[in-house]
Amino acid sequence: METLNRWASWEESCPPASRLRRLAYRKNLLEVQKFEAVQLQSIVHVA
C-alpha cells in the first residue's frame, strides 16, 4: 500500500506530457507485482 501512495504523489508531481509514460510505468509495476505474487505462491506451494 505504501508503494501505491508513493506512486500517487509521484504521479501528481508529474507534468501532463508524461501521462503516457506514466501509464506504462504503472502497467509495468502491476505486471511485476502480479509476477511476484505468482512466484510467492509457487514457492509457498513447493514448501
PDB file of N, CA and C in Angstrom:
ATOM      1  N   MET A   1       0.840  -1.198   0.000  1.00  0.00           N
ATOM      2  CA  MET A   1       0.000   0.000   0.000  1.00  0.00           C
ATOM      3  C   MET A   1       0.876   1.249   0.000  1.00  0.00           C
ATOM      4  N   GLU A   2       1.956   1.179   0.730  1.00  0.00           N
ATOM      5  CA  GLU A   2       2.921   2.287   0.786  1.00  0.00           C
ATOM      6  C   GLU A   2       3.402   2.649  -0.612  1.00  0.00           C
ATOM      7  N   THR A   3       3.679   1.623  -1.417  1.00  0.00           N
ATOM      8  CA  THR A   3       4.159   1.858  -2.780  1.00  0.00           C
ATOM      9  C   THR A   3       3.132   2.636  -3.585  1.00  0.00           C
ATOM     10  N   LEU A   4       1.867   2.251  -3.472  1.00  0.00           N
ATOM     11  CA  LEU A   4       0.812   2.931  -4.226  1.00  0.00           C
ATOM     12  C   LEU A   4       0.736   4.400  -3.842  1.00  0.00           C
ATOM     13  N   ASN A   5       0.861   4.689  -2.552  1.00  0.00           N
ATOM     14  CA  ASN A   5       0.815   6.082  -2.104  1.00  0.00           C
ATOM     15  C   ASN A   5       1.977   6.870  -2.683  1.00  0.00           C
ATOM     16  N   ARG A   6       3.151   6.260  -2.689  1.00  0.00           N
ATOM     17  CA  ARG A   6       4.322   6.929  -3.237  1.00  0.00           C
ATOM     18  C   ARG A   6       4.104   7.210  -4.717  1.00  0.00           C
ATOM     19  N   TRP A   7       3.534   6.239  -5.421  1.00  0.00           N
ATOM     20  CA  TRP A   7       3.279   6.408  -6.856  1.00  0.00           C
ATOM     21  C   TRP A   7       2.249   7.487  -7.096  1.00  0.00           C
ATOM     22  N   ALA A   8       1.230   7.558  -6.245  1.00  0.00           N
ATOM     23  CA  ALA A   8       0.190   8.573  -6.420  1.00  0.00           C
ATOM     24  C   ALA A   8       0.786   9.969  -6.284  1.00  0.00           C
ATOM     25  N   SER A   9       1.621  10.181  -5.280  1.00  0.00           N
ATOM     26  CA  SER A   9       2.214  11.506  -5.099  1.00  0.00           C
ATOM     27  C   SER A   9       3.192  11.804  -6.231  1.00  0.00           C
ATOM     28  N   TRP A  10       3.899  10.774  -6.686  1.00  0.00           N
ATOM     29  CA  TRP A  10       4.824  10.958  -7.807  1.00  0.00           C
ATOM     30  C   TRP A  10       4.053  11.338  -9.061  1.00  0.00           C
ATOM     31  N   GLU A  11       2.903  10.704  -9.257  1.00  0.00           N
ATOM     32  CA  GLU A  11       2.063  10.994 -10.418  1.00  0.00           C
ATOM     33  C   GLU A  11       1.611  12.441 -10.414  1.00  0.00           C
ATOM     34  N   GLU A  12       1.191  12.930  -9.262  1.00  0.00           N
ATOM     35  CA  GLU A  12       0.655  14.284  -9.188  1.00  0.00           C
ATOM     36  C   GLU A  12       1.725  15.329  -9.436  1.00  0.00           C
ATOM     37  N   SER A  13       2.975  14.996  -9.142  1.00  0.00           N
ATOM     38  CA  SER A  13       4.050  15.962  -9.355  1.00  0.00           C
ATOM     39  C   SER A  13       4.556  15.917 -10.798  1.00  0.00           C
ATOM     40  N   CYS A  14       4.036  14.984 -11.583  1.00  0.00           N
ATOM     41  CA  CYS A  14       4.474  14.831 -12.972  1.00  0.00           C
ATOM     42  C   CYS A  14       3.707  15.772 -13.898  1.00  0.00           C
ATOM     43  N   PRO A  15       4.381  16.294 -14.918  1.00  0.00           N
ATOM     44  CA  PRO A  15       3.689  17.103 -15.926  1.00  0.00           C
ATOM     45  C   PRO A  15       2.779  16.231 -16.781  1.00  0.00           C
ATOM     46  N   PRO A  16       1.685  16.783 -17.305  1.00  0.00           N
ATOM     47  CA  PRO A  16       0.722  16.013 -18.096  1.00  0.00           C
ATOM     48  C   PRO A  16       1.355  15.382 -19.334  1.00  0.00           C
ATOM     49  N   ALA A  17       2.433  15.973 -19.824  1.00  0.00           N
ATOM     50  CA  ALA A  17       3.068  15.482 -21.043  1.00  0.00           C
ATOM     51  C   ALA A  17       3.575  14.046 -20.867  1.00  0.00           C
ATOM     52  N   SER A  18       3.879  13.669 -19.644  1.00  0.00           N
ATOM     53  CA  SER A  18       4.442  12.334 -19.420  1.00  0.00           C
ATOM     54  C   SER A  18       3.369  11.322 -19.040  1.00  0.00           C
ATOM     55  N   ARG A  19       2.097  11.673 -19.303  1.00  0.00           N
ATOM     56  CA  ARG A  19       0.990  10.795 -18.918  1.00  0.00           C
ATOM     57  C   ARG A  19       1.143   9.397 -19.514  1.00  0.00           C
ATOM     58  N   LEU A  20       1.500   9.335 -20.793  1.00  0.00           N
ATOM     59  CA  LEU A  20       1.647   8.035 -21.452  1.00  0.00           C
ATOM     60  C   LEU A  20       2.752   7.219 -20.797  1.00  0.00           C
ATOM     61  N   ARG A  21       3.879   7.870 -20.568  1.00  0.00           N
ATOM     62  CA  ARG A  21       4.998   7.167 -19.950  1.00  0.00           C
ATOM     63  C   ARG A  21       4.606   6.688 -18.561  1.00  0.00           C
ATOM     64  N   ARG A  22       3.847   7.547 -17.862  1.00  0.00           N
ATOM     65  CA  ARG A  22       3.360   7.206 -16.532  1.00  0.00           C
ATOM     66  C   ARG A  22       2.508   5.953 -16.561  1.00  0.00           C
ATOM     67  N   LEU A  23       1.592   5.895 -17.527  1.00  0.00           N
ATOM     68  CA  LEU A  23       0.716   4.726 -17.646  1.00  0.00           C
ATOM     69  C   LEU A  23       1.551   3.473 -17.894  1.00  0.00           C
ATOM     70  N   ALA A  24       2.578   3.611 -18.720  1.00  0.00           N
ATOM     71  CA  ALA A  24       3.450   2.470 -18.995  1.00  0.00           C
ATOM     72  C   ALA A  24       4.149   2.026 -17.711  1.00  0.00           C
ATOM     73  N   TYR A  25       4.640   2.983 -16.933  1.00  0.00           N
ATOM     74  CA  TYR A  25       5.291   2.651 -15.663  1.00  0.00           C
ATOM     75  C   TYR A  25       4.335   1.907 -14.747  1.00  0.00           C
ATOM     76  N   ARG A  26       3.108   2.439 -14.652  1.00  0.00           N
ATOM     77  CA  ARG A  26       2.146   1.818 -13.744  1.00  0.00           C
ATOM     78  C   ARG A  26       1.814   0.411 -14.208  1.00  0.00           C
ATOM     79  N   LYS A  27       1.648   0.240 -15.519  1.00  0.00           N
ATOM     80  CA  LYS A  27       1.335  -1.075 -16.067  1.00  0.00           C
ATOM     81  C   LYS A  27       2.470  -2.043 -15.740  1.00  0.00           C
ATOM     82  N   ASN A  28       3.716  -1.585 -15.931  1.00  0.00           N
ATOM     83  CA  ASN A  28       4.865  -2.434 -15.625  1.00  0.00           C
ATOM     84  C   ASN A  28       4.894  -2.790 -14.146  1.00  0.00           C
ATOM     85  N   LEU A  29       4.598  -1.805 -13.299  1.00  0.00           N
ATOM     86  CA  LEU A  29       4.583  -2.052 -11.863  1.00  0.00           C
ATOM     87  C   LEU A  29       3.567  -3.132 -11.521  1.00  0.00           C
ATOM     88  N   LEU A  30       2.369  -3.025 -12.110  1.00  0.00           N
ATOM     89  CA  LEU A  30       1.327  -4.014 -11.846  1.00  0.00           C
ATOM     90  C   LEU A  30       1.752  -5.390 -12.336  1.00  0.00           C
ATOM     91  N   GLU A  31       2.364  -5.441 -13.527  1.00  0.00           N
ATOM     92  CA  GLU A  31       2.821  -6.722 -14.063  1.00  0.00           C
ATOM     93  C   GLU A  31       3.855  -7.341 -13.132  1.00  0.00           C
ATOM     94  N   VAL A  32       4.779  -6.520 -12.652  1.00  0.00           N
ATOM     95  CA  VAL A  32       5.821  -7.014 -11.750  1.00  0.00           C
ATOM     96  C   VAL A  32       5.201  -7.541 -10.463  1.00  0.00           C
ATOM     97  N   GLN A  33       4.243  -6.793  -9.912  1.00  0.00           N
ATOM     98  CA  GLN A  33       3.600  -7.233  -8.671  1.00  0.00           C
ATOM     99  C   GLN A  33       2.862  -8.549  -8.880  1.00  0.00           C
ATOM    100  N   LYS A  34       2.188  -8.664 -10.040  1.00  0.00           N
ATOM    101  CA  LYS A  34       1.468  -9.899 -10.344  1.00  0.00           C
ATOM    102  C   LYS A  34       2.453 -11.061 -10.426  1.00  0.00           C
ATOM    103  N   PHE A  35       3.562 -10.832 -11.122  1.00  0.00           N
ATOM    104  CA  PHE A  35       4.583 -11.861 -11.297  1.00  0.00           C
ATOM    105  C   PHE A  35       5.136 -12.286  -9.940  1.00  0.00           C
ATOM    106  N   GLU A  36       5.426 -11.297  -9.082  1.00  0.00           N
ATOM    107  CA  GLU A  36       5.967 -11.611  -7.763  1.00  0.00           C
ATOM    108  C   GLU A  36       4.969 -12.409  -6.938  1.00  0.00           C
ATOM    109  N   ALA A  37       3.692 -12.064  -7.060  1.00  0.00           N
ATOM    110  CA  ALA A  37       2.663 -12.791  -6.320  1.00  0.00           C
ATOM    111  C   ALA A  37       2.627 -14.250  -6.765  1.00  0.00           C
ATOM    112  N   VAL A  38       2.722 -14.476  -8.072  1.00  0.00           N
ATOM    113  CA  VAL A  38       2.721 -15.844  -8.603  1.00  0.00           C
ATOM    114  C   VAL A  38       3.957 -16.584  -8.110  1.00  0.00           C
ATOM    115  N   GLN A  39       5.102 -15.913  -8.143  1.00  0.00           N
ATOM    116  CA  GLN A  39       6.338 -16.534  -7.672  1.00  0.00           C
ATOM    117  C   GLN A  39       6.196 -16.938  -6.205  1.00  0.00           C
ATOM    118  N   LEU A  40       5.667 -16.045  -5.395  1.00  0.00           N
ATOM    119  CA  LEU A  40       5.484 -16.328  -3.973  1.00  0.00           C
ATOM    120  C   LEU A  40       4.573 -17.528  -3.779  1.00  0.00           C
ATOM    121  N   GLN A  41       3.482 -17.572  -4.533  1.00  0.00           N
ATOM    122  CA  GLN A  41       2.530 -18.675  -4.402  1.00  0.00           C
ATOM    123  C   GLN A  41       3.193 -20.005  -4.742  1.00  0.00           C
ATOM    124  N   SER A  42       3.994 -20.014  -5.808  1.00  0.00           N
ATOM    125  CA  SER A  42       4.627 -21.274  -6.191  1.00  0.00           C
ATOM    126  C   SER A  42       5.678 -21.683  -5.160  1.00  0.00           C
ATOM    127  N   ILE A  43       6.364 -20.698  -4.576  1.00  0.00           N
ATOM    128  CA  ILE A  43       7.340 -21.010  -3.531  1.00  0.00           C
ATOM    129  C   ILE A  43       6.626 -21.615  -2.326  1.00  0.00           C
ATOM    130  N   VAL A  44       5.523 -20.985  -1.923  1.00  0.00           N
ATOM    131  CA  VAL A  44       4.749 -21.485  -0.785  1.00  0.00           C
ATOM    132  C   VAL A  44       4.204 -22.872  -1.103  1.00  0.00           C
ATOM    133  N   HIS A  45       3.758 -23.064  -2.338  1.00  0.00           N
ATOM    134  CA  HIS A  45       3.190 -24.346  -2.742  1.00  0.00           C
ATOM    135  C   HIS A  45       4.240 -25.448  -2.652  1.00  0.00           C
ATOM    136  N   VAL A  46       5.456 -25.147  -3.087  1.00  0.00           N
ATOM    137  CA  VAL A  46       6.541 -26.135  -3.041  1.00  0.00           C
ATOM    138  C   VAL A  46       6.880 -26.457  -1.592  1.00  0.00           C
ATOM    139  N   ALA A  47       6.924 -25.437  -0.746  1.00  0.00           N
ATOM    140  CA  ALA A  47       7.248 -25.641   0.666  1.00  0.00           C
ATOM    141  C   ALA A  47       6.060 -26.306   1.358  1.00  0.00           C
TER     142      ALA A  47
END
